Amino acid sequence: MSAHPVEHGDEPTIERPDRTISALRQALARVAPAKLPLLEAERDEVLTLAAETQSVGPVNGFLLRWAVTVEIERHPGVARRLHEAERLVRTATDEETMRSAAREVAGIKAAARRAVGE
């Protein structure tokens, strides 16, 4: 596990978990427990798809998506910025606000992907 924050000044609340279903689930339970039902539903779908296609690709994608989610959520300030930007993308009445918020969302997610090694 590593503890490198996504951005300076926003220390992580937990260490970065290993990229396994169990470790990500445990981390999510600590930093964003409301998202657990979504993780579990997606996990079941992904495991079924992996078995049907005899491919680990769906599992690898699932692990990356949830590693990125945990990476963001373990930094409270980053998570707040993401959630606010996502809200603005959905509710903005002018195009510039929506585009700016969409850039913020993309930037936060890209930084989290880099932080988890993708």
C-alpha atoms as a PDB file:
ATOM      1  CA  MET A   1       0.000   0.000   0.000  1.00  0.00           C
ATOM      2  CA  SER A   2       1.033   3.541  -0.668  1.00  0.00           C
ATOM      3  CA  ALA A   3      -0.066   6.802   0.877  1.00  0.00           C
ATOM      4  CA  HIS A   4       0.757   9.341  -1.853  1.00  0.00           C
ATOM      5  CA  PRO A   5      -2.059  11.888  -1.948  1.00  0.00           C
ATOM      6  CA  VAL A   6      -3.681  12.900  -5.215  1.00  0.00           C
ATOM      7  CA  GLU A   7      -2.947  16.530  -4.411  1.00  0.00           C
ATOM      8  CA  HIS A   8      -0.872  18.267  -1.768  1.00  0.00           C
ATOM      9  CA  GLY A   9      -2.720  19.520   1.305  1.00  0.00           C
ATOM     10  CA  ASP A  10      -5.405  16.831   1.284  1.00  0.00           C
ATOM     11  CA  GLU A  11      -4.047  13.942   3.277  1.00  0.00           C
ATOM     12  CA  PRO A  12      -5.644  10.549   2.698  1.00  0.00           C
ATOM     13  CA  THR A  13      -7.927   9.189   5.390  1.00  0.00           C
ATOM     14  CA  ILE A  14      -6.770   5.612   4.767  1.00  0.00           C
ATOM     15  CA  GLU A  15      -3.844   3.972   3.031  1.00  0.00           C
ATOM     16  CA  ARG A  16      -4.207   3.093  -0.632  1.00  0.00           C
ATOM     17  CA  PRO A  17      -5.547  -0.463  -0.718  1.00  0.00           C
ATOM     18  CA  ASP A  18      -4.220  -3.290  -2.813  1.00  0.00           C
ATOM     19  CA  ARG A  19      -6.072  -3.725  -6.074  1.00  0.00           C
ATOM     20  CA  THR A  20      -8.116  -6.753  -5.070  1.00  0.00           C
ATOM     21  CA  ILE A  21     -11.874  -7.025  -4.747  1.00  0.00           C
ATOM     22  CA  SER A  22     -11.647  -7.673  -1.012  1.00  0.00           C
ATOM     23  CA  ALA A  23      -9.223  -4.815  -0.279  1.00  0.00           C
ATOM     24  CA  LEU A  24     -11.165  -2.331  -2.395  1.00  0.00           C
ATOM     25  CA  ARG A  25     -14.444  -3.371  -0.785  1.00  0.00           C
ATOM     26  CA  GLN A  26     -12.981  -2.907   2.713  1.00  0.00           C
ATOM     27  CA  ALA A  27     -11.547   0.497   1.777  1.00  0.00           C
ATOM     28  CA  LEU A  28     -14.811   1.621   0.203  1.00  0.00           C
ATOM     29  CA  ALA A  29     -16.673   0.584   3.347  1.00  0.00           C
ATOM     30  CA  ARG A  30     -14.517   3.088   5.235  1.00  0.00           C
ATOM     31  CA  VAL A  31     -14.462   6.026   2.820  1.00  0.00           C
ATOM     32  CA  ALA A  32     -17.770   5.800   0.901  1.00  0.00           C
ATOM     33  CA  PRO A  33     -20.019   3.080   2.350  1.00  0.00           C
ATOM     34  CA  ALA A  34     -23.039   4.301   0.386  1.00  0.00           C
ATOM     35  CA  LYS A  35     -21.281   3.080  -2.778  1.00  0.00           C
ATOM     36  CA  LEU A  36     -20.959  -0.533  -1.562  1.00  0.00           C
ATOM     37  CA  PRO A  37     -24.210  -1.770  -3.168  1.00  0.00           C
ATOM     38  CA  LEU A  38     -23.010  -0.454  -6.538  1.00  0.00           C
ATOM     39  CA  LEU A  39     -19.614  -2.143  -6.163  1.00  0.00           C
ATOM     40  CA  GLU A  40     -21.243  -5.434  -5.226  1.00  0.00           C
ATOM     41  CA  ALA A  41     -23.770  -5.343  -8.071  1.00  0.00           C
ATOM     42  CA  GLU A  42     -21.065  -4.470 -10.566  1.00  0.00           C
ATOM     43  CA  ARG A  43     -18.778  -7.169  -9.134  1.00  0.00           C
ATOM     44  CA  ASP A  44     -21.411  -9.835  -9.737  1.00  0.00           C
ATOM     45  CA  GLU A  45     -21.976  -8.651 -13.325  1.00  0.00           C
ATOM     46  CA  VAL A  46     -18.243  -8.474 -14.051  1.00  0.00           C
ATOM     47  CA  LEU A  47     -17.504 -11.933 -12.664  1.00  0.00           C
ATOM     48  CA  THR A  48     -20.333 -13.381 -14.741  1.00  0.00           C
ATOM     49  CA  LEU A  49     -19.057 -11.625 -17.868  1.00  0.00           C
ATOM     50  CA  ALA A  50     -15.489 -12.772 -17.184  1.00  0.00           C
ATOM     51  CA  ALA A  51     -16.660 -16.373 -16.863  1.00  0.00           C
ATOM     52  CA  GLU A  52     -18.793 -16.157 -20.012  1.00  0.00           C
ATOM     53  CA  THR A  53     -16.013 -14.617 -22.094  1.00  0.00           C
ATOM     54  CA  GLN A  54     -13.190 -16.516 -20.385  1.00  0.00           C
ATOM     55  CA  SER A  55     -11.361 -13.208 -20.106  1.00  0.00           C
ATOM     56  CA  VAL A  56      -9.890 -11.327 -17.171  1.00  0.00           C
ATOM     57  CA  GLY A  57     -10.363  -8.027 -19.005  1.00  0.00           C
ATOM     58  CA  PRO A  58     -13.688  -7.223 -17.336  1.00  0.00           C
ATOM     59  CA  VAL A  59     -12.220  -7.945 -13.908  1.00  0.00           C
ATOM     60  CA  ASN A  60      -9.174  -5.762 -14.567  1.00  0.00           C
ATOM     61  CA  GLY A  61     -11.426  -2.896 -15.685  1.00  0.00           C
ATOM     62  CA  PHE A  62     -13.614  -3.323 -12.605  1.00  0.00           C
ATOM     63  CA  LEU A  63     -10.588  -3.271 -10.294  1.00  0.00           C
ATOM     64  CA  LEU A  64      -9.234  -0.127 -11.966  1.00  0.00           C
ATOM     65  CA  ARG A  65     -12.588   1.719 -11.780  1.00  0.00           C
ATOM     66  CA  TRP A  66     -12.965   0.962  -8.089  1.00  0.00           C
ATOM     67  CA  ALA A  67      -9.297   1.662  -7.298  1.00  0.00           C
ATOM     68  CA  VAL A  68      -9.816   5.116  -8.856  1.00  0.00           C
ATOM     69  CA  THR A  69     -13.026   5.624  -6.874  1.00  0.00           C
ATOM     70  CA  VAL A  70     -11.322   4.695  -3.602  1.00  0.00           C
ATOM     71  CA  GLU A  71      -8.311   6.866  -4.485  1.00  0.00           C
ATOM     72  CA  ILE A  72     -10.597   9.866  -4.859  1.00  0.00           C
ATOM     73  CA  GLU A  73     -12.792   9.111  -1.842  1.00  0.00           C
ATOM     74  CA  ARG A  74      -9.849   8.603   0.516  1.00  0.00           C
ATOM     75  CA  HIS A  75      -8.984  12.285  -0.039  1.00  0.00           C
ATOM     76  CA  PRO A  76     -11.987  14.179   1.382  1.00  0.00           C
ATOM     77  CA  GLY A  77     -11.214  17.486  -0.321  1.00  0.00           C
ATOM     78  CA  VAL A  78     -10.735  15.831  -3.698  1.00  0.00           C
ATOM     79  CA  ALA A  79     -13.950  13.851  -3.236  1.00  0.00           C
ATOM     80  CA  ARG A  80     -15.860  17.050  -2.404  1.00  0.00           C
ATOM     81  CA  ARG A  81     -14.464  18.765  -5.512  1.00  0.00           C
ATOM     82  CA  LEU A  82     -15.432  15.787  -7.680  1.00  0.00           C
ATOM     83  CA  HIS A  83     -18.964  15.550  -6.305  1.00  0.00           C
ATOM     84  CA  GLU A  84     -19.507  19.292  -6.733  1.00  0.00           C
ATOM     85  CA  ALA A  85     -18.163  19.210 -10.293  1.00  0.00           C
ATOM     86  CA  GLU A  86     -20.378  16.203 -11.120  1.00  0.00           C
ATOM     87  CA  ARG A  87     -23.366  18.113  -9.709  1.00  0.00           C
ATOM     88  CA  LEU A  88     -22.529  21.117 -11.871  1.00  0.00           C
ATOM     89  CA  VAL A  89     -22.231  18.938 -14.969  1.00  0.00           C
ATOM     90  CA  ARG A  90     -25.787  17.724 -14.315  1.00  0.00           C
ATOM     91  CA  THR A  91     -27.317  21.053 -13.316  1.00  0.00           C
ATOM     92  CA  ALA A  92     -25.400  23.875 -15.031  1.00  0.00           C
ATOM     93  CA  THR A  93     -27.579  26.183 -17.059  1.00  0.00           C
ATOM     94  CA  ASP A  94     -24.735  27.613 -19.123  1.00  0.00           C
ATOM     95  CA  GLU A  95     -22.350  25.743 -21.368  1.00  0.00           C
ATOM     96  CA  GLU A  96     -19.143  27.255 -19.971  1.00  0.00           C
ATOM     97  CA  THR A  97     -19.968  26.179 -16.398  1.00  0.00           C
ATOM     98  CA  MET A  98     -20.826  22.681 -17.606  1.00  0.00           C
ATOM     99  CA  ARG A  99     -17.609  22.426 -19.659  1.00  0.00           C
ATOM    100  CA  SER A 100     -15.474  23.726 -16.812  1.00  0.00           C
ATOM    101  CA  ALA A 101     -17.050  21.245 -14.413  1.00  0.00           C
ATOM    102  CA  ALA A 102     -16.569  18.407 -16.915  1.00  0.00           C
ATOM    103  CA  ARG A 103     -12.873  19.325 -17.207  1.00  0.00           C
ATOM    104  CA  GLU A 104     -12.626  19.263 -13.405  1.00  0.00           C
ATOM    105  CA  VAL A 105     -14.213  15.793 -13.280  1.00  0.00           C
ATOM    106  CA  ALA A 106     -11.871  14.505 -15.998  1.00  0.00           C
ATOM    107  CA  GLY A 107      -8.821  16.023 -14.317  1.00  0.00           C
ATOM    108  CA  ILE A 108      -9.616  14.536 -10.913  1.00  0.00           C
ATOM    109  CA  LYS A 109     -10.212  11.089 -12.388  1.00  0.00           C
ATOM    110  CA  ALA A 110      -7.031  11.272 -14.505  1.00  0.00           C
ATOM    111  CA  ALA A 111      -4.971  12.236 -11.452  1.00  0.00           C
ATOM    112  CA  ALA A 112      -6.476   9.332  -9.493  1.00  0.00           C
ATOM    113  CA  ARG A 113      -5.691   6.902 -12.337  1.00  0.00           C
ATOM    114  CA  ARG A 114      -2.087   8.110 -12.366  1.00  0.00           C
ATOM    115  CA  ALA A 115      -1.912   7.750  -8.585  1.00  0.00           C
ATOM    116  CA  VAL A 116      -3.034   4.116  -8.720  1.00  0.00           C
ATOM    117  CA  GLY A 117      -0.566   3.365 -11.479  1.00  0.00           C
ATOM    118  CA  GLU A 118      -2.618   3.433 -14.666  1.00  0.00           C
END
